[in-house]
Amino acid sequence: MKNLIKISVIATIALLSFACDNDDDKIISQPNETVQLTTTDIKLELSESQALDSISISWNESDYGINTTVNYTIEIALPGTDFSNPIFVTKTTGTEYKWNLGELNSQMLRAGLSWDVEGVIELRVKSSLGSADADQLISDTITLTATPYFVLIVLPNKLWLPGGYANASGYGNDWSPGDPETPTIAAPKIGDTNYEGYVYFANDDSQFKLIEGPEWNVFTDYGFQSTEGILFDGDGENNLPVAEAGFYKVEADTKDLTYSLTKTDWAVTGSATPLGLAPEQSGPDQDHDMVYDKDTKIWSVTLDLSVGEIMFRANDAWDISFGGVGGFLNTEENNAIPIGVAGNYTINVDFSNPRRYTYTIVKN
């Protein structure tokens, strides 16, 4: 049977009136009710056998004196940090939030607290109005004491790449790991730490970070401290820089804490193409350049092909190259793609699904 630990959170908070330019946020609030904490200290028993039991917090609905939706933000942080770098942040428009105890245990371990040692975290609730999160009310702080138990935290097989480049590059909202358009790089399987994928950066001097899940302050994120090529996951890390616009192969290893960015431009070569198979020695004018479309996220070229074979390669060289079978690219030996009928073809390559790159060859 699942137990429910209810905690009433009531806060006394100072209020400010505001006005915003956004039509959605043109609200002048006249709050007439405060919120008060009834509980300030909580002690929990955590164990693996109770991992699916729940803890919930609830609070009064903030009264701003107007009929509008109120946003509530729940934050958890280490003591003494003044919530400047929360280990957990989530939002709701309701007046209750619930975790299972296993999730809370994992959050404490991710924050760096030791298992089998009593640790302390702090919790608070903020309310606000509108999409700009204006007129914030901040509750008093609840102290939560618990002893985390050991659990193996399985590494994800993907890393998300939120950044200031996203919107201009066709990937949805900037700095939004939860946006479904945010690109990812992938490891070969769960538990591996070597990630790979391809990402387009539309502008020079772009910036991004790597994060182990689609939400800030919940999952570990990586930047760099002072040396490009070396990842850093501590406080004060810098954003990862991309000096020149382009389509990049992005590689990272979260065990070795390394990363690399290789700019790529893609082309088609092979015995079926007008230029034939490119020689081993790299050089220009040896293959047929493809063009990238940021809206479709596809590299494409239209060519007259003869009976023979084709392959794909980057940067007028063979260092990064693919053949394929059945619509999927691979790097195996003898993997050239056969062309059985001569004609005019549209050839597409899609790198948007990391480690599951695809191609199509369609006769016009």
Protein backbone atom coordinates (compact mmCIF):
# COMPACT_ATOMS: atom_id res chain seq x y z
CA MET A 1 0.00 0.00 0.00
CA LYS A 2 1.31 3.46 -0.90
CA ASN A 3 1.48 5.96 1.94
CA LEU A 4 0.94 9.68 1.41
CA ILE A 5 2.83 12.23 3.50
CA LYS A 6 0.94 15.53 3.28
CA ILE A 7 2.69 18.79 4.08
CA SER A 8 0.75 22.03 4.16
CA VAL A 9 2.91 24.84 2.82
CA ILE A 10 1.64 28.30 3.65
CA ALA A 11 3.76 31.38 3.16
CA THR A 12 3.72 34.99 4.28
CA ILE A 13 5.08 36.98 1.39
CA ALA A 14 5.57 40.54 0.27
CA LEU A 15 3.68 41.59 -2.85
CA LEU A 16 4.48 44.00 -5.68
CA SER A 17 2.16 45.35 -8.36
CA PHE A 18 3.38 45.38 -11.95
CA ALA A 19 2.61 46.16 -15.57
CA CYS A 20 4.04 44.40 -18.65
CA ASP A 21 4.24 45.13 -22.35
CA ASN A 22 2.95 41.69 -23.32
CA ASP A 23 -0.85 41.77 -23.71
CA ASP A 24 -1.07 38.48 -21.82
CA ASP A 25 0.66 40.10 -18.87
CA LYS A 26 -1.13 43.46 -18.68
CA ILE A 27 -2.38 42.92 -15.17
CA ILE A 28 -2.45 45.18 -12.16
CA SER A 29 -2.82 42.98 -9.12
CA GLN A 30 -4.29 43.99 -5.79
CA PRO A 31 -3.59 40.98 -3.55
CA ASN A 32 -5.64 40.90 -0.36
CA GLU A 33 -4.61 37.62 1.23
CA THR A 34 -1.30 36.28 2.46
CA VAL A 35 -0.08 32.69 2.69
CA GLN A 36 1.48 31.29 5.88
CA LEU A 37 3.69 28.29 6.54
CA THR A 38 2.36 25.76 9.01
CA THR A 39 5.31 23.35 8.70
CA THR A 40 8.96 24.38 8.68
CA ASP A 41 10.84 21.16 9.41
CA ILE A 42 10.28 17.67 8.00
CA LYS A 43 12.14 14.44 8.63
CA LEU A 44 11.66 11.55 6.21
CA GLU A 45 12.54 7.89 6.30
CA LEU A 46 13.85 6.80 2.89
CA SER A 47 14.28 3.17 1.86
CA GLU A 48 14.25 1.23 -1.38
CA SER A 49 11.18 -0.71 -0.26
CA GLN A 50 9.26 2.58 0.01
CA ALA A 51 10.52 4.06 -3.27
CA LEU A 52 7.00 4.19 -4.74
CA ASP A 53 5.44 5.79 -1.66
CA SER A 54 4.57 9.44 -2.12
CA ILE A 55 5.29 12.77 -0.54
CA SER A 56 3.12 15.71 -1.48
CA ILE A 57 3.18 19.38 -0.65
CA SER A 58 0.15 21.63 -0.83
CA TRP A 59 -0.42 25.31 -0.33
CA ASN A 60 -3.14 27.98 -0.34
CA GLU A 61 -4.11 29.52 -3.63
CA SER A 62 -2.50 32.96 -3.79
CA ASP A 63 -5.10 35.73 -3.97
CA TYR A 64 -3.99 38.56 -6.29
CA GLY A 65 -7.40 40.23 -6.27
CA ILE A 66 -8.02 39.45 -9.95
CA ASN A 67 -9.41 36.52 -11.91
CA THR A 68 -6.33 35.08 -13.62
CA THR A 69 -4.23 31.93 -13.68
CA VAL A 70 -1.51 31.82 -11.03
CA ASN A 71 1.76 29.99 -11.71
CA TYR A 72 3.50 28.13 -8.89
CA THR A 73 7.17 27.13 -8.96
CA ILE A 74 8.51 24.47 -6.58
CA GLU A 75 12.25 24.64 -5.88
CA ILE A 76 14.61 22.37 -3.93
CA ALA A 77 18.16 23.47 -3.10
CA LEU A 78 21.05 22.71 -0.81
CA PRO A 79 21.17 24.72 2.45
CA GLY A 80 23.10 27.97 2.32
CA THR A 81 22.71 28.46 -1.44
CA ASP A 82 19.75 30.85 -1.22
CA PHE A 83 18.23 28.82 -4.09
CA SER A 84 20.72 30.37 -6.52
CA ASN A 85 21.35 26.93 -8.09
CA PRO A 86 18.36 24.70 -7.30
CA ILE A 87 18.72 20.96 -7.69
CA PHE A 88 15.06 20.66 -8.68
CA VAL A 89 12.62 23.11 -10.27
CA THR A 90 9.15 22.46 -11.60
CA LYS A 91 6.02 24.51 -12.31
CA THR A 92 2.31 23.96 -11.91
CA THR A 93 -0.91 25.98 -11.90
CA GLY A 94 -2.37 23.78 -9.17
CA THR A 95 -1.85 24.02 -5.42
CA GLU A 96 -0.27 20.60 -4.85
CA TYR A 97 2.79 18.74 -6.07
CA LYS A 98 3.71 15.12 -5.45
CA TRP A 99 6.95 13.12 -5.74
CA ASN A 100 7.54 9.48 -5.04
CA LEU A 101 10.23 8.92 -2.42
CA GLY A 102 12.50 7.18 -4.94
CA GLU A 103 12.59 10.35 -7.07
CA LEU A 104 13.38 12.45 -4.02
CA ASN A 105 16.17 10.05 -3.05
CA SER A 106 17.72 10.31 -6.54
CA GLN A 107 17.52 14.11 -6.45
CA MET A 108 19.42 14.16 -3.14
CA LEU A 109 22.12 11.88 -4.55
CA ARG A 110 22.42 13.98 -7.73
CA ALA A 111 22.91 17.04 -5.53
CA GLY A 112 26.02 15.40 -4.09
CA LEU A 113 24.66 14.20 -0.74
CA SER A 114 26.17 10.94 0.48
CA TRP A 115 24.14 7.78 0.81
CA ASP A 116 23.71 6.37 4.34
CA VAL A 117 24.50 9.83 5.75
CA GLU A 118 21.76 12.11 7.02
CA GLY A 119 21.44 15.10 4.70
CA VAL A 120 19.41 18.28 4.50
CA ILE A 121 17.72 20.02 1.60
CA GLU A 122 15.49 23.09 1.50
CA LEU A 123 12.18 23.57 -0.29
CA ARG A 124 10.11 26.62 -1.16
CA VAL A 125 7.18 27.62 -3.37
CA LYS A 126 6.90 30.77 -5.49
CA SER A 127 3.77 32.15 -7.11
CA SER A 128 3.66 34.53 -10.08
CA LEU A 129 1.40 35.90 -12.79
CA GLY A 130 1.61 35.72 -16.56
CA SER A 131 4.18 34.27 -18.93
CA ALA A 132 6.80 36.72 -17.62
CA ASP A 133 6.49 35.25 -14.09
CA ALA A 134 5.89 38.72 -12.70
CA ASP A 135 4.67 39.76 -9.24
CA GLN A 136 6.44 36.86 -7.54
CA LEU A 137 5.54 35.79 -4.03
CA ILE A 138 8.15 33.63 -2.28
CA SER A 139 7.25 31.36 0.60
CA ASP A 140 9.25 30.73 3.72
CA THR A 141 11.66 27.80 3.44
CA ILE A 142 10.93 24.27 4.58
CA THR A 143 13.88 22.18 5.78
CA LEU A 144 13.71 18.51 4.82
CA THR A 145 16.04 16.01 6.51
CA ALA A 146 16.53 12.47 5.21
CA THR A 147 19.18 9.80 4.78
CA PRO A 148 19.49 8.81 1.10
CA TYR A 149 19.99 5.13 0.31
CA PHE A 150 22.31 3.82 -2.39
CA VAL A 151 20.78 3.43 -5.83
CA LEU A 152 22.51 2.96 -9.14
CA ILE A 153 21.69 6.00 -11.26
CA VAL A 154 21.70 4.70 -14.83
CA LEU A 155 23.18 7.14 -17.29
CA PRO A 156 20.89 8.19 -20.15
CA ASN A 157 21.66 7.18 -23.71
CA LYS A 158 21.01 10.74 -24.92
CA LEU A 159 22.22 14.24 -24.16
CA TRP A 160 20.16 17.30 -25.02
CA LEU A 161 21.77 20.41 -26.59
CA PRO A 162 19.79 23.51 -25.55
CA GLY A 163 21.33 26.82 -26.51
CA GLY A 164 20.97 30.31 -27.88
CA TYR A 165 21.36 28.95 -31.41
CA ALA A 166 18.17 26.86 -31.45
CA ASN A 167 15.49 29.16 -32.85
CA ALA A 168 17.63 30.58 -35.65
CA SER A 169 18.75 27.07 -36.58
CA GLY A 170 15.29 25.50 -36.84
CA TYR A 171 15.20 23.77 -33.45
CA GLY A 172 12.39 25.50 -31.58
CA ASN A 173 12.92 27.76 -28.58
CA ASP A 174 16.33 28.92 -27.37
CA TRP A 175 17.71 27.41 -24.15
CA SER A 176 14.75 25.03 -23.82
CA PRO A 177 15.83 21.41 -23.29
CA GLY A 178 12.19 20.40 -22.93
CA ASP A 179 11.29 21.69 -26.40
CA PRO A 180 10.64 18.62 -28.59
CA GLU A 181 12.69 20.26 -31.36
CA THR A 182 15.84 20.52 -29.21
CA PRO A 183 18.49 18.28 -30.82
CA THR A 184 20.13 15.38 -29.01
CA ILE A 185 23.24 13.26 -29.34
CA ALA A 186 23.19 9.57 -28.43
CA ALA A 187 25.35 6.84 -26.93
CA PRO A 188 25.35 3.37 -28.52
CA LYS A 189 23.34 1.99 -25.59
CA ILE A 190 22.18 2.88 -22.09
CA GLY A 191 25.13 3.02 -19.71
CA ASP A 192 27.67 4.01 -22.37
CA THR A 193 29.15 7.48 -22.03
CA ASN A 194 30.32 8.22 -25.58
CA TYR A 195 27.71 10.35 -27.34
CA GLU A 196 27.48 11.37 -30.99
CA GLY A 197 25.16 13.33 -33.23
CA TYR A 198 24.90 16.13 -35.78
CA VAL A 199 23.63 19.65 -35.08
CA TYR A 200 23.25 22.74 -37.26
CA PHE A 201 24.35 26.15 -35.93
CA ALA A 202 23.00 28.92 -38.14
CA ASN A 203 25.13 31.76 -36.75
CA ASP A 204 28.72 32.43 -35.80
CA ASP A 205 29.53 32.62 -32.08
CA SER A 206 26.72 30.28 -31.05
CA GLN A 207 26.56 28.80 -27.55
CA PHE A 208 24.99 25.70 -26.02
CA LYS A 209 25.19 23.27 -23.13
CA LEU A 210 24.83 19.50 -22.82
CA ILE A 211 22.27 18.16 -20.36
CA GLU A 212 21.31 14.61 -19.39
CA GLY A 213 17.56 15.22 -19.59
CA PRO A 214 14.96 17.67 -20.88
CA GLU A 215 14.74 19.90 -17.78
CA TRP A 216 17.11 22.39 -16.18
CA ASN A 217 18.08 21.91 -12.52
CA VAL A 218 16.85 18.33 -12.52
CA PHE A 219 19.47 16.69 -14.72
CA THR A 220 23.24 17.17 -14.80
CA ASP A 221 24.35 19.72 -17.37
CA TYR A 222 27.80 20.26 -18.86
CA GLY A 223 29.68 23.31 -20.09
CA PHE A 224 33.36 24.08 -19.96
CA GLN A 225 35.44 26.00 -17.44
CA SER A 226 38.49 27.30 -19.26
CA THR A 227 39.67 24.78 -21.86
CA GLU A 228 37.74 24.02 -25.02
CA GLY A 229 37.42 20.28 -25.53
CA ILE A 230 37.13 19.61 -21.78
CA LEU A 231 33.67 19.35 -20.22
CA PHE A 232 32.93 20.77 -16.79
CA ASP A 233 29.85 20.03 -14.66
CA GLY A 234 30.57 22.16 -11.59
CA ASP A 235 29.32 25.56 -10.49
CA GLY A 236 30.03 28.46 -12.78
CA GLU A 237 30.66 26.52 -15.97
CA ASN A 238 30.67 28.49 -19.22
CA ASN A 239 28.50 27.77 -22.23
CA LEU A 240 30.10 25.64 -24.93
CA PRO A 241 31.12 27.91 -27.84
CA VAL A 242 30.76 27.39 -31.59
CA ALA A 243 32.83 30.04 -33.34
CA GLU A 244 31.69 29.44 -36.91
CA ALA A 245 28.24 28.69 -38.30
CA GLY A 246 27.78 25.28 -39.86
CA PHE A 247 26.60 21.68 -39.57
CA TYR A 248 28.65 19.93 -36.88
CA LYS A 249 29.39 16.43 -35.76
CA VAL A 250 29.14 16.73 -31.96
CA GLU A 251 30.86 14.14 -29.78
CA ALA A 252 31.03 14.00 -26.00
CA ASP A 253 32.17 11.57 -23.30
CA THR A 254 30.67 12.25 -19.88
CA LYS A 255 33.06 9.82 -18.18
CA ASP A 256 36.26 11.30 -19.62
CA LEU A 257 34.65 14.78 -19.63
CA THR A 258 35.67 15.55 -23.19
CA TYR A 259 33.87 16.89 -26.25
CA SER A 260 34.64 17.74 -29.87
CA LEU A 261 32.96 19.74 -32.64
CA THR A 262 33.75 18.92 -36.27
CA LYS A 263 32.20 21.09 -38.97
CA THR A 264 30.94 18.99 -41.89
CA ASP A 265 29.77 19.63 -45.42
CA TRP A 266 28.34 16.58 -47.15
CA ALA A 267 28.64 15.22 -50.67
CA VAL A 268 27.86 12.15 -52.78
CA THR A 269 30.55 10.09 -54.51
CA GLY A 270 30.79 6.67 -56.11
CA SER A 271 31.04 4.85 -59.38
CA ALA A 272 27.42 5.70 -60.25
CA THR A 273 28.05 9.49 -60.09
CA PRO A 274 29.27 11.66 -62.99
CA LEU A 275 32.59 12.29 -61.20
CA GLY A 276 33.09 8.64 -60.26
CA LEU A 277 34.48 7.38 -56.97
CA ALA A 278 36.65 9.96 -55.21
CA PRO A 279 40.30 8.91 -54.68
CA GLU A 280 41.74 8.19 -51.25
CA GLN A 281 43.68 11.46 -51.27
CA SER A 282 41.38 14.30 -50.32
CA GLY A 283 40.68 17.16 -52.64
CA PRO A 284 38.02 19.46 -54.11
CA ASP A 285 35.91 18.75 -57.19
CA GLN A 286 36.01 15.00 -56.51
CA ASP A 287 32.40 14.60 -55.39
CA HIS A 288 28.95 16.18 -55.71
CA ASP A 289 28.09 18.66 -52.97
CA MET A 290 24.79 18.39 -51.13
CA VAL A 291 22.76 21.32 -49.76
CA TYR A 292 21.33 21.50 -46.22
CA ASP A 293 17.77 22.71 -45.53
CA LYS A 294 17.32 23.80 -41.91
CA ASP A 295 13.52 23.47 -42.13
CA THR A 296 13.50 19.84 -43.24
CA LYS A 297 16.89 19.13 -41.58
CA ILE A 298 17.90 17.20 -44.69
CA TRP A 299 20.96 17.27 -46.96
CA SER A 300 19.93 16.90 -50.60
CA VAL A 301 21.24 16.78 -54.17
CA THR A 302 19.76 15.84 -57.53
CA LEU A 303 22.06 13.89 -59.87
CA ASP A 304 22.10 11.81 -63.04
CA LEU A 305 23.28 8.39 -61.90
CA SER A 306 24.44 5.42 -63.90
CA VAL A 307 24.38 1.80 -62.82
CA GLY A 308 26.95 1.47 -60.05
CA GLU A 309 27.33 2.51 -56.39
CA ILE A 310 27.26 5.65 -54.26
CA MET A 311 28.52 6.70 -50.83
CA PHE A 312 28.38 9.82 -48.66
CA ARG A 313 31.40 11.66 -47.29
CA ALA A 314 32.15 14.90 -45.44
CA ASN A 315 34.62 17.71 -46.17
CA ASP A 316 35.97 16.35 -49.49
CA ALA A 317 37.64 13.54 -47.55
CA TRP A 318 37.07 9.97 -46.35
CA ASP A 319 37.66 10.55 -42.63
CA ILE A 320 33.90 10.83 -42.03
CA SER A 321 31.94 8.74 -44.51
CA PHE A 322 28.95 6.42 -44.77
CA GLY A 323 27.53 3.73 -46.96
CA GLY A 324 24.27 2.07 -46.08
CA VAL A 325 21.63 -0.56 -46.51
CA GLY A 326 17.85 -0.48 -46.35
CA GLY A 327 17.67 3.29 -45.90
CA PHE A 328 20.02 3.41 -42.89
CA LEU A 329 23.59 4.71 -43.03
CA ASN A 330 26.44 2.63 -41.62
CA THR A 331 30.24 2.58 -41.48
CA GLU A 332 30.75 -1.12 -42.16
CA GLU A 333 33.10 -2.49 -44.80
CA ASN A 334 31.82 -3.01 -48.34
CA ASN A 335 28.82 -0.82 -47.57
CA ALA A 336 28.47 1.11 -50.84
CA ILE A 337 24.83 1.63 -51.87
CA PRO A 338 23.97 0.01 -55.23
CA ILE A 339 22.19 1.86 -58.05
CA GLY A 340 20.56 -0.69 -60.33
CA VAL A 341 18.88 1.57 -62.90
CA ALA A 342 20.34 4.65 -64.57
CA GLY A 343 18.38 7.89 -64.29
CA ASN A 344 17.93 11.21 -62.59
CA TYR A 345 17.68 10.85 -58.81
CA THR A 346 17.02 13.02 -55.76
CA ILE A 347 19.29 11.86 -52.93
CA ASN A 348 18.55 12.85 -49.33
CA VAL A 349 20.43 12.25 -46.07
CA ASP A 350 18.91 12.90 -42.64
CA PHE A 351 21.21 13.15 -39.58
CA SER A 352 18.56 14.44 -37.17
CA ASN A 353 18.09 11.11 -35.35
CA PRO A 354 21.45 10.49 -33.61
CA ARG A 355 23.10 7.17 -34.50
CA ARG A 356 20.07 6.30 -36.64
CA TYR A 357 21.00 8.30 -39.72
CA THR A 358 18.91 7.65 -42.83
CA TYR A 359 19.00 8.19 -46.58
CA THR A 360 16.59 8.06 -49.50
CA ILE A 361 17.35 7.71 -53.22
CA VAL A 362 14.29 8.52 -55.36
CA LYS A 363 14.19 8.30 -59.16
CA ASN A 364 12.60 11.42 -60.68
